[in-house]
Amino acid sequence: MIIIQKIQTKELKAIGPAEVKEWDDLAIPENDFIDKKALVAAVIEAYDLGELETFSHIASPSVLKATVEKDGQSYHLSGKIHQE
């Protein structure tokens, strides 16, 4: 089982404080795991976070990083990968 922990979205904006939202951990069966991009897609779908804009390929193997867009607003998506 793959557990995505510490899932967080942070609003990307130039002025004012950014809205930060923390999400519940997400469990994904290991046989559904293809690659980190597939894990990001699973998180986006599970929490209806919009569309994937960019995906960070250089992040640590245990870290998910991406940018998503929902309703015209961009958010930084992050999380930690934990395998059980």
Protein backbone atom coordinates (compact mmCIF):
# COMPACT_ATOMS: atom_id res chain seq x y z
CA MET A 1 0.00 0.00 0.00
CA ILE A 2 1.26 3.48 -0.84
CA ILE A 3 0.22 6.25 1.53
CA ILE A 4 0.41 9.89 0.45
CA GLN A 5 0.80 11.96 3.62
CA LYS A 6 0.99 15.66 4.43
CA ILE A 7 -0.93 16.56 1.28
CA GLN A 8 -1.16 20.31 0.98
CA THR A 9 -2.25 22.89 -1.58
CA LYS A 10 -1.00 26.45 -1.43
CA GLU A 11 -2.52 29.21 -3.53
CA LEU A 12 -0.07 30.85 -5.91
CA LYS A 13 -0.59 34.60 -5.84
CA ALA A 14 1.57 37.71 -6.00
CA ILE A 15 -0.16 39.89 -3.42
CA GLY A 16 -1.50 39.05 0.02
CA PRO A 17 -1.37 35.91 2.11
CA ALA A 18 -1.72 32.61 0.27
CA GLU A 19 -4.52 30.23 1.18
CA VAL A 20 -3.08 26.92 2.42
CA LYS A 21 -5.24 23.83 2.72
CA GLU A 22 -4.23 20.50 4.22
CA TRP A 23 -5.85 17.29 3.01
CA ASP A 24 -6.32 13.86 4.60
CA ASP A 25 -3.82 11.10 3.88
CA LEU A 26 -4.61 9.05 0.78
CA ALA A 27 -4.02 5.28 0.47
CA ILE A 28 -3.39 3.84 -2.97
CA PRO A 29 -3.06 0.09 -3.67
CA GLU A 30 0.54 -0.60 -4.69
CA ASN A 31 -0.53 -2.51 -7.82
CA ASP A 32 -2.15 0.74 -9.13
CA PHE A 33 1.19 2.57 -8.82
CA ILE A 34 2.89 3.32 -12.13
CA ASP A 35 5.03 6.37 -11.38
CA LYS A 36 5.00 9.60 -9.38
CA LYS A 37 2.98 11.38 -12.06
CA ALA A 38 0.28 8.72 -11.65
CA LEU A 39 0.31 9.35 -7.88
CA VAL A 40 -0.16 13.09 -8.47
CA ALA A 41 -3.06 12.31 -10.81
CA ALA A 42 -4.63 10.07 -8.13
CA VAL A 43 -4.38 12.86 -5.52
CA ILE A 44 -5.86 15.43 -7.93
CA GLU A 45 -8.76 13.12 -8.75
CA ALA A 46 -9.41 12.06 -5.14
CA TYR A 47 -9.72 15.64 -3.87
CA ASP A 48 -11.06 17.27 -7.08
CA LEU A 49 -8.11 19.66 -7.26
CA GLY A 50 -8.56 20.62 -10.91
CA GLU A 51 -6.08 20.02 -13.72
CA LEU A 52 -2.37 19.25 -13.61
CA GLU A 53 -0.31 22.17 -14.97
CA THR A 54 3.26 21.09 -14.18
CA PHE A 55 4.90 18.17 -12.44
CA SER A 56 8.29 18.28 -10.69
CA HIS A 57 10.53 15.46 -11.90
CA ILE A 58 13.47 16.61 -9.76
CA ALA A 59 11.79 16.27 -6.37
CA SER A 60 13.13 13.70 -3.90
CA PRO A 61 11.79 10.15 -4.54
CA SER A 62 9.62 10.42 -1.42
CA VAL A 63 8.15 13.84 -2.28
CA LEU A 64 5.35 14.81 -4.65
CA LYS A 65 5.41 18.32 -6.11
CA ALA A 66 3.14 19.71 -8.80
CA THR A 67 1.16 22.76 -9.85
CA VAL A 68 -2.57 22.41 -10.42
CA GLU A 69 -5.23 24.79 -11.69
CA LYS A 70 -8.82 24.94 -10.56
CA ASP A 71 -11.37 27.62 -11.45
CA GLY A 72 -8.70 29.89 -12.94
CA GLN A 73 -6.48 29.80 -9.82
CA SER A 74 -3.14 27.98 -9.60
CA TYR A 75 -2.02 26.01 -6.55
CA HIS A 76 1.20 24.32 -5.50
CA LEU A 77 0.47 20.69 -4.55
CA SER A 78 2.86 18.79 -2.28
CA GLY A 79 2.87 15.53 -0.37
CA LYS A 80 5.08 12.80 1.09
CA ILE A 81 5.12 9.23 -0.26
CA HIS A 82 5.21 6.44 2.30
CA GLN A 83 5.14 2.74 1.39
CA GLU A 84 3.77 0.12 3.76
